[in-house]
Amino acid sequence: MTVATDNLIPGIDAECGGACSCATCHVYINDPKQLQLLGEKSDVEHMLLDYLDTKRENSRLACQVNLTDKQDGLVVHVAPQT
């Protein structure tokens, strides 16, 4: 989320500043291997995503994605805002 907001990526509003309380940083991770490397979603992330009409199996909140060298080359797509 921070990488997106620092680089003015449209569609990543991050209204809560990364506190995992608004879901305005909803993204899709299309590569199943990369999605698996990100680890499990927290209960709070699951709850917030459940409120979104645009939720998919590969949905994540960008504020909950901790980037490491393992995610080098990670491609995310910004979900449509609802």
PDB file of N, CA and C in Angstrom:
ATOM      1  N   MET A   1       0.825  -1.175   0.000  1.00  0.00           N
ATOM      2  CA  MET A   1       0.000   0.000   0.000  1.00  0.00           C
ATOM      3  C   MET A   1       0.877   1.250   0.000  1.00  0.00           C
ATOM      4  N   THR A   2       1.905   1.231   0.824  1.00  0.00           N
ATOM      5  CA  THR A   2       2.789   2.391   0.894  1.00  0.00           C
ATOM      6  C   THR A   2       3.490   2.640  -0.438  1.00  0.00           C
ATOM      7  N   VAL A   3       3.928   1.566  -1.087  1.00  0.00           N
ATOM      8  CA  VAL A   3       4.566   1.702  -2.400  1.00  0.00           C
ATOM      9  C   VAL A   3       3.580   2.339  -3.377  1.00  0.00           C
ATOM     10  N   ALA A   4       2.330   1.891  -3.343  1.00  0.00           N
ATOM     11  CA  ALA A   4       1.320   2.441  -4.249  1.00  0.00           C
ATOM     12  C   ALA A   4       1.027   3.903  -3.962  1.00  0.00           C
ATOM     13  N   THR A   5       0.835   4.249  -2.699  1.00  0.00           N
ATOM     14  CA  THR A   5       0.515   5.645  -2.381  1.00  0.00           C
ATOM     15  C   THR A   5       1.713   6.554  -2.609  1.00  0.00           C
ATOM     16  N   ASP A   6       2.920   6.067  -2.324  1.00  0.00           N
ATOM     17  CA  ASP A   6       4.117   6.874  -2.567  1.00  0.00           C
ATOM     18  C   ASP A   6       4.318   7.170  -4.053  1.00  0.00           C
ATOM     19  N   ASN A   7       3.799   6.277  -4.896  1.00  0.00           N
ATOM     20  CA  ASN A   7       3.952   6.435  -6.338  1.00  0.00           C
ATOM     21  C   ASN A   7       2.667   6.877  -7.027  1.00  0.00           C
ATOM     22  N   LEU A   8       1.705   7.360  -6.233  1.00  0.00           N
ATOM     23  CA  LEU A   8       0.449   7.930  -6.739  1.00  0.00           C
ATOM     24  C   LEU A   8      -0.305   6.989  -7.675  1.00  0.00           C
ATOM     25  N   ILE A   9      -0.342   5.708  -7.320  1.00  0.00           N
ATOM     26  CA  ILE A   9      -1.077   4.726  -8.111  1.00  0.00           C
ATOM     27  C   ILE A   9      -2.573   5.008  -7.949  1.00  0.00           C
ATOM     28  N   PRO A  10      -3.279   5.256  -9.040  1.00  0.00           N
ATOM     29  CA  PRO A  10      -4.708   5.542  -8.928  1.00  0.00           C
ATOM     30  C   PRO A  10      -5.475   4.319  -8.423  1.00  0.00           C
ATOM     31  N   GLY A  11      -6.465   4.576  -7.584  1.00  0.00           N
ATOM     32  CA  GLY A  11      -7.316   3.519  -7.079  1.00  0.00           C
ATOM     33  C   GLY A  11      -6.911   2.979  -5.728  1.00  0.00           C
ATOM     34  N   ILE A  12      -5.766   3.372  -5.237  1.00  0.00           N
ATOM     35  CA  ILE A  12      -5.326   2.973  -3.895  1.00  0.00           C
ATOM     36  C   ILE A  12      -5.460   4.206  -3.010  1.00  0.00           C
ATOM     37  N   ASP A  13      -6.619   4.323  -2.378  1.00  0.00           N
ATOM     38  CA  ASP A  13      -6.884   5.502  -1.555  1.00  0.00           C
ATOM     39  C   ASP A  13      -6.256   5.405  -0.171  1.00  0.00           C
ATOM     40  N   ALA A  14      -6.243   4.201   0.411  1.00  0.00           N
ATOM     41  CA  ALA A  14      -5.621   3.971   1.717  1.00  0.00           C
ATOM     42  C   ALA A  14      -6.087   4.989   2.754  1.00  0.00           C
ATOM     43  N   GLU A  15      -7.382   5.152   2.835  1.00  0.00           N
ATOM     44  CA  GLU A  15      -7.955   6.154   3.739  1.00  0.00           C
ATOM     45  C   GLU A  15      -7.584   5.943   5.201  1.00  0.00           C
ATOM     46  N   CYS A  16      -7.377   4.699   5.610  1.00  0.00           N
ATOM     47  CA  CYS A  16      -7.055   4.430   7.022  1.00  0.00           C
ATOM     48  C   CYS A  16      -5.558   4.468   7.284  1.00  0.00           C
ATOM     49  N   GLY A  17      -4.756   4.723   6.257  1.00  0.00           N
ATOM     50  CA  GLY A  17      -3.316   4.813   6.444  1.00  0.00           C
ATOM     51  C   GLY A  17      -2.637   3.491   6.726  1.00  0.00           C
ATOM     52  N   GLY A  18      -3.279   2.394   6.371  1.00  0.00           N
ATOM     53  CA  GLY A  18      -2.674   1.082   6.560  1.00  0.00           C
ATOM     54  C   GLY A  18      -3.101   0.372   7.822  1.00  0.00           C
ATOM     55  N   ALA A  19      -4.140   0.852   8.472  1.00  0.00           N
ATOM     56  CA  ALA A  19      -4.600   0.261   9.733  1.00  0.00           C
ATOM     57  C   ALA A  19      -5.542  -0.923   9.529  1.00  0.00           C
ATOM     58  N   CYS A  20      -5.766  -1.328   8.295  1.00  0.00           N
ATOM     59  CA  CYS A  20      -6.654  -2.444   7.957  1.00  0.00           C
ATOM     60  C   CYS A  20      -8.047  -2.205   8.514  1.00  0.00           C
ATOM     61  N   SER A  21      -8.607  -1.031   8.151  1.00  0.00           N
ATOM     62  CA  SER A  21      -9.945  -0.728   8.648  1.00  0.00           C
ATOM     63  C   SER A  21     -10.859  -0.100   7.597  1.00  0.00           C
ATOM     64  N   CYS A  22     -10.401   0.011   6.340  1.00  0.00           N
ATOM     65  CA  CYS A  22     -11.262   0.675   5.360  1.00  0.00           C
ATOM     66  C   CYS A  22     -11.407  -0.075   4.036  1.00  0.00           C
ATOM     67  N   ALA A  23     -10.483  -0.930   3.683  1.00  0.00           N
ATOM     68  CA  ALA A  23     -10.499  -1.712   2.430  1.00  0.00           C
ATOM     69  C   ALA A  23     -10.412  -0.852   1.178  1.00  0.00           C
ATOM     70  N   THR A  24      -9.855   0.350   1.268  1.00  0.00           N
ATOM     71  CA  THR A  24      -9.698   1.207   0.088  1.00  0.00           C
ATOM     72  C   THR A  24      -8.372   0.951  -0.630  1.00  0.00           C
ATOM     73  N   CYS A  25      -7.735  -0.168  -0.305  1.00  0.00           N
ATOM     74  CA  CYS A  25      -6.500  -0.566  -0.993  1.00  0.00           C
ATOM     75  C   CYS A  25      -6.650  -1.981  -1.541  1.00  0.00           C
ATOM     76  N   HIS A  26      -7.860  -2.320  -1.969  1.00  0.00           N
ATOM     77  CA  HIS A  26      -8.187  -3.652  -2.472  1.00  0.00           C
ATOM     78  C   HIS A  26      -7.476  -3.907  -3.793  1.00  0.00           C
ATOM     79  N   VAL A  27      -6.752  -5.032  -3.845  1.00  0.00           N
ATOM     80  CA  VAL A  27      -6.032  -5.412  -5.058  1.00  0.00           C
ATOM     81  C   VAL A  27      -6.247  -6.893  -5.340  1.00  0.00           C
ATOM     82  N   TYR A  28      -5.923  -7.282  -6.567  1.00  0.00           N
ATOM     83  CA  TYR A  28      -5.938  -8.682  -6.978  1.00  0.00           C
ATOM     84  C   TYR A  28      -4.514  -9.135  -7.235  1.00  0.00           C
ATOM     85  N   ILE A  29      -4.179 -10.319  -6.737  1.00  0.00           N
ATOM     86  CA  ILE A  29      -2.881 -10.946  -6.993  1.00  0.00           C
ATOM     87  C   ILE A  29      -3.157 -12.082  -7.975  1.00  0.00           C
ATOM     88  N   ASN A  30      -2.764 -11.923  -9.228  1.00  0.00           N
ATOM     89  CA  ASN A  30      -3.147 -12.895 -10.250  1.00  0.00           C
ATOM     90  C   ASN A  30      -2.279 -14.146 -10.282  1.00  0.00           C
ATOM     91  N   ASP A  31      -1.066 -14.079  -9.817  1.00  0.00           N
ATOM     92  CA  ASP A  31      -0.166 -15.235  -9.846  1.00  0.00           C
ATOM     93  C   ASP A  31      -0.381 -16.065  -8.577  1.00  0.00           C
ATOM     94  N   PRO A  32      -0.907 -17.291  -8.703  1.00  0.00           N
ATOM     95  CA  PRO A  32      -1.174 -18.114  -7.520  1.00  0.00           C
ATOM     96  C   PRO A  32       0.070 -18.371  -6.664  1.00  0.00           C
ATOM     97  N   LYS A  33       1.231 -18.486  -7.292  1.00  0.00           N
ATOM     98  CA  LYS A  33       2.474 -18.702  -6.526  1.00  0.00           C
ATOM     99  C   LYS A  33       2.790 -17.480  -5.669  1.00  0.00           C
ATOM    100  N   GLN A  34       2.646 -16.295  -6.250  1.00  0.00           N
ATOM    101  CA  GLN A  34       2.886 -15.071  -5.495  1.00  0.00           C
ATOM    102  C   GLN A  34       1.856 -14.916  -4.385  1.00  0.00           C
ATOM    103  N   LEU A  35       0.610 -15.237  -4.678  1.00  0.00           N
ATOM    104  CA  LEU A  35      -0.445 -15.147  -3.676  1.00  0.00           C
ATOM    105  C   LEU A  35      -0.118 -16.031  -2.478  1.00  0.00           C
ATOM    106  N   GLN A  36       0.362 -17.217  -2.733  1.00  0.00           N
ATOM    107  CA  GLN A  36       0.722 -18.142  -1.665  1.00  0.00           C
ATOM    108  C   GLN A  36       1.892 -17.611  -0.830  1.00  0.00           C
ATOM    109  N   LEU A  37       2.839 -16.954  -1.489  1.00  0.00           N
ATOM    110  CA  LEU A  37       3.996 -16.395  -0.774  1.00  0.00           C
ATOM    111  C   LEU A  37       3.609 -15.283   0.200  1.00  0.00           C
ATOM    112  N   LEU A  38       2.445 -14.677  -0.022  1.00  0.00           N
ATOM    113  CA  LEU A  38       2.018 -13.567   0.839  1.00  0.00           C
ATOM    114  C   LEU A  38       1.483 -14.040   2.180  1.00  0.00           C
ATOM    115  N   GLY A  39       1.220 -15.322   2.302  1.00  0.00           N
ATOM    116  CA  GLY A  39       0.718 -15.841   3.569  1.00  0.00           C
ATOM    117  C   GLY A  39      -0.792 -15.702   3.679  1.00  0.00           C
ATOM    118  N   GLU A  40      -1.298 -16.151   4.795  1.00  0.00           N
ATOM    119  CA  GLU A  40      -2.737 -16.159   5.034  1.00  0.00           C
ATOM    120  C   GLU A  40      -3.260 -14.766   5.366  1.00  0.00           C
ATOM    121  N   LYS A  41      -4.516 -14.538   5.023  1.00  0.00           N
ATOM    122  CA  LYS A  41      -5.181 -13.294   5.402  1.00  0.00           C
ATOM    123  C   LYS A  41      -5.546 -13.372   6.880  1.00  0.00           C
ATOM    124  N   SER A  42      -5.473 -12.239   7.535  1.00  0.00           N
ATOM    125  CA  SER A  42      -5.911 -12.178   8.934  1.00  0.00           C
ATOM    126  C   SER A  42      -7.438 -12.208   8.978  1.00  0.00           C
ATOM    127  N   ASP A  43      -7.980 -12.454  10.158  1.00  0.00           N
ATOM    128  CA  ASP A  43      -9.435 -12.440  10.318  1.00  0.00           C
ATOM    129  C   ASP A  43     -10.021 -11.086   9.950  1.00  0.00           C
ATOM    130  N   VAL A  44      -9.324 -10.013  10.307  1.00  0.00           N
ATOM    131  CA  VAL A  44      -9.806  -8.666  10.001  1.00  0.00           C
ATOM    132  C   VAL A  44      -9.804  -8.431   8.496  1.00  0.00           C
ATOM    133  N   GLU A  45      -8.753  -8.865   7.821  1.00  0.00           N
ATOM    134  CA  GLU A  45      -8.703  -8.705   6.366  1.00  0.00           C
ATOM    135  C   GLU A  45      -9.835  -9.492   5.709  1.00  0.00           C
ATOM    136  N   HIS A  46     -10.063 -10.731   6.142  1.00  0.00           N
ATOM    137  CA  HIS A  46     -11.192 -11.520   5.623  1.00  0.00           C
ATOM    138  C   HIS A  46     -12.499 -10.765   5.807  1.00  0.00           C
ATOM    139  N   MET A  47     -12.711 -10.230   6.989  1.00  0.00           N
ATOM    140  CA  MET A  47     -13.957  -9.530   7.304  1.00  0.00           C
ATOM    141  C   MET A  47     -14.161  -8.325   6.381  1.00  0.00           C
ATOM    142  N   LEU A  48     -13.119  -7.521   6.217  1.00  0.00           N
ATOM    143  CA  LEU A  48     -13.237  -6.338   5.360  1.00  0.00           C
ATOM    144  C   LEU A  48     -13.485  -6.728   3.909  1.00  0.00           C
ATOM    145  N   LEU A  49     -12.792  -7.734   3.423  1.00  0.00           N
ATOM    146  CA  LEU A  49     -12.981  -8.164   2.044  1.00  0.00           C
ATOM    147  C   LEU A  49     -14.385  -8.714   1.818  1.00  0.00           C
ATOM    148  N   ASP A  50     -14.961  -9.342   2.830  1.00  0.00           N
ATOM    149  CA  ASP A  50     -16.310  -9.893   2.698  1.00  0.00           C
ATOM    150  C   ASP A  50     -17.358  -8.823   2.421  1.00  0.00           C
ATOM    151  N   TYR A  51     -17.076  -7.583   2.755  1.00  0.00           N
ATOM    152  CA  TYR A  51     -18.017  -6.483   2.517  1.00  0.00           C
ATOM    153  C   TYR A  51     -17.953  -5.944   1.086  1.00  0.00           C
ATOM    154  N   LEU A  52     -16.972  -6.386   0.323  1.00  0.00           N
ATOM    155  CA  LEU A  52     -16.770  -5.843  -1.017  1.00  0.00           C
ATOM    156  C   LEU A  52     -17.472  -6.674  -2.081  1.00  0.00           C
ATOM    157  N   ASP A  53     -18.200  -6.015  -2.957  1.00  0.00           N
ATOM    158  CA  ASP A  53     -18.854  -6.698  -4.070  1.00  0.00           C
ATOM    159  C   ASP A  53     -17.839  -7.215  -5.083  1.00  0.00           C
ATOM    160  N   THR A  54     -16.668  -6.634  -5.103  1.00  0.00           N
ATOM    161  CA  THR A  54     -15.647  -6.987  -6.094  1.00  0.00           C
ATOM    162  C   THR A  54     -14.648  -8.013  -5.565  1.00  0.00           C
ATOM    163  N   LYS A  55     -14.916  -8.596  -4.411  1.00  0.00           N
ATOM    164  CA  LYS A  55     -14.009  -9.587  -3.814  1.00  0.00           C
ATOM    165  C   LYS A  55     -13.902 -10.816  -4.704  1.00  0.00           C
ATOM    166  N   ARG A  56     -12.672 -11.324  -4.816  1.00  0.00           N
ATOM    167  CA  ARG A  56     -12.385 -12.569  -5.532  1.00  0.00           C
ATOM    168  C   ARG A  56     -11.515 -13.440  -4.628  1.00  0.00           C
ATOM    169  N   GLU A  57     -11.266 -14.656  -5.075  1.00  0.00           N
ATOM    170  CA  GLU A  57     -10.395 -15.560  -4.303  1.00  0.00           C
ATOM    171  C   GLU A  57      -8.978 -14.990  -4.169  1.00  0.00           C
ATOM    172  N   ASN A  58      -8.556 -14.208  -5.156  1.00  0.00           N
ATOM    173  CA  ASN A  58      -7.207 -13.651  -5.148  1.00  0.00           C
ATOM    174  C   ASN A  58      -7.160 -12.208  -4.629  1.00  0.00           C
ATOM    175  N   SER A  59      -8.199 -11.806  -3.916  1.00  0.00           N
ATOM    176  CA  SER A  59      -8.240 -10.452  -3.350  1.00  0.00           C
ATOM    177  C   SER A  59      -7.346 -10.353  -2.123  1.00  0.00           C
ATOM    178  N   ARG A  60      -6.706  -9.214  -2.012  1.00  0.00           N
ATOM    179  CA  ARG A  60      -5.945  -8.870  -0.810  1.00  0.00           C
ATOM    180  C   ARG A  60      -6.090  -7.379  -0.571  1.00  0.00           C
ATOM    181  N   LEU A  61      -5.828  -6.980   0.646  1.00  0.00           N
ATOM    182  CA  LEU A  61      -5.713  -5.562   0.959  1.00  0.00           C
ATOM    183  C   LEU A  61      -4.231  -5.231   0.913  1.00  0.00           C
ATOM    184  N   ALA A  62      -3.881  -4.271   0.093  1.00  0.00           N
ATOM    185  CA  ALA A  62      -2.465  -3.946  -0.107  1.00  0.00           C
ATOM    186  C   ALA A  62      -1.778  -3.552   1.194  1.00  0.00           C
ATOM    187  N   CYS A  63      -2.523  -2.993   2.144  1.00  0.00           N
ATOM    188  CA  CYS A  63      -1.914  -2.601   3.413  1.00  0.00           C
ATOM    189  C   CYS A  63      -1.474  -3.813   4.233  1.00  0.00           C
ATOM    190  N   GLN A  64      -1.944  -4.998   3.870  1.00  0.00           N
ATOM    191  CA  GLN A  64      -1.590  -6.212   4.599  1.00  0.00           C
ATOM    192  C   GLN A  64      -0.534  -7.043   3.882  1.00  0.00           C
ATOM    193  N   VAL A  65      -0.044  -6.541   2.752  1.00  0.00           N
ATOM    194  CA  VAL A  65       0.988  -7.224   1.981  1.00  0.00           C
ATOM    195  C   VAL A  65       2.343  -6.655   2.388  1.00  0.00           C
ATOM    196  N   ASN A  66       3.129  -7.485   3.032  1.00  0.00           N
ATOM    197  CA  ASN A  66       4.476  -7.080   3.436  1.00  0.00           C
ATOM    198  C   ASN A  66       5.453  -7.543   2.370  1.00  0.00           C
ATOM    199  N   LEU A  67       6.046  -6.596   1.682  1.00  0.00           N
ATOM    200  CA  LEU A  67       6.955  -6.928   0.598  1.00  0.00           C
ATOM    201  C   LEU A  67       8.323  -7.343   1.119  1.00  0.00           C
ATOM    202  N   THR A  68       8.829  -8.427   0.530  1.00  0.00           N
ATOM    203  CA  THR A  68      10.182  -8.917   0.807  1.00  0.00           C
ATOM    204  C   THR A  68      10.814  -9.244  -0.540  1.00  0.00           C
ATOM    205  N   ASP A  69      12.042  -9.705  -0.515  1.00  0.00           N
ATOM    206  CA  ASP A  69      12.695 -10.112  -1.755  1.00  0.00           C
ATOM    207  C   ASP A  69      11.944 -11.241  -2.446  1.00  0.00           C
ATOM    208  N   LYS A  70      11.198 -12.051  -1.678  1.00  0.00           N
ATOM    209  CA  LYS A  70      10.423 -13.153  -2.262  1.00  0.00           C
ATOM    210  C   LYS A  70       9.357 -12.640  -3.229  1.00  0.00           C
ATOM    211  N   GLN A  71       8.886 -11.413  -3.023  1.00  0.00           N
ATOM    212  CA  GLN A  71       7.852 -10.856  -3.883  1.00  0.00           C
ATOM    213  C   GLN A  71       8.410 -10.066  -5.061  1.00  0.00           C
ATOM    214  N   ASP A  72       9.713 -10.180  -5.315  1.00  0.00           N
ATOM    215  CA  ASP A  72      10.294  -9.482  -6.455  1.00  0.00           C
ATOM    216  C   ASP A  72       9.538  -9.890  -7.715  1.00  0.00           C
ATOM    217  N   GLY A  73       9.043  -8.924  -8.439  1.00  0.00           N
ATOM    218  CA  GLY A  73       8.270  -9.184  -9.642  1.00  0.00           C
ATOM    219  C   GLY A  73       6.776  -9.329  -9.408  1.00  0.00           C
ATOM    220  N   LEU A  74       6.326  -9.120  -8.182  1.00  0.00           N
ATOM    221  CA  LEU A  74       4.907  -9.219  -7.861  1.00  0.00           C
ATOM    222  C   LEU A  74       4.102  -8.224  -8.699  1.00  0.00           C
ATOM    223  N   VAL A  75       3.045  -8.717  -9.307  1.00  0.00           N
ATOM    224  CA  VAL A  75       2.155  -7.876 -10.098  1.00  0.00           C
ATOM    225  C   VAL A  75       0.807  -7.879  -9.419  1.00  0.00           C
ATOM    226  N   VAL A  76       0.278  -6.702  -9.139  1.00  0.00           N
ATOM    227  CA  VAL A  76      -1.049  -6.575  -8.567  1.00  0.00           C
ATOM    228  C   VAL A  76      -1.902  -5.723  -9.487  1.00  0.00           C
ATOM    229  N   HIS A  77      -3.188  -5.979  -9.451  1.00  0.00           N
ATOM    230  CA  HIS A  77      -4.145  -5.183 -10.211  1.00  0.00           C
ATOM    231  C   HIS A  77      -5.079  -4.529  -9.210  1.00  0.00           C
ATOM    232  N   VAL A  78      -5.275  -3.252  -9.357  1.00  0.00           N
ATOM    233  CA  VAL A  78      -6.146  -2.506  -8.467  1.00  0.00           C
ATOM    234  C   VAL A  78      -7.592  -2.896  -8.765  1.00  0.00           C
ATOM    235  N   ALA A  79      -8.308  -3.290  -7.735  1.00  0.00           N
ATOM    236  CA  ALA A  79      -9.710  -3.681  -7.879  1.00  0.00           C
ATOM    237  C   ALA A  79     -10.564  -2.444  -8.143  1.00  0.00           C
ATOM    238  N   PRO A  80     -11.661  -2.622  -8.855  1.00  0.00           N
ATOM    239  CA  PRO A  80     -12.563  -1.476  -9.048  1.00  0.00           C
ATOM    240  C   PRO A  80     -13.127  -1.016  -7.715  1.00  0.00           C
ATOM    241  N   GLN A  81     -13.277   0.268  -7.570  1.00  0.00           N
ATOM    242  CA  GLN A  81     -13.830   0.809  -6.330  1.00  0.00           C
ATOM    243  C   GLN A  81     -15.330   0.670  -6.348  1.00  0.00           C
ATOM    244  N   THR A  82     -15.866   0.350  -5.160  1.00  0.00           N
ATOM    245  CA  THR A  82     -17.323   0.226  -5.055  1.00  0.00           C
ATOM    246  C   THR A  82     -17.864   1.283  -4.147  1.00  0.00           C
TER     247      THR A  82
END
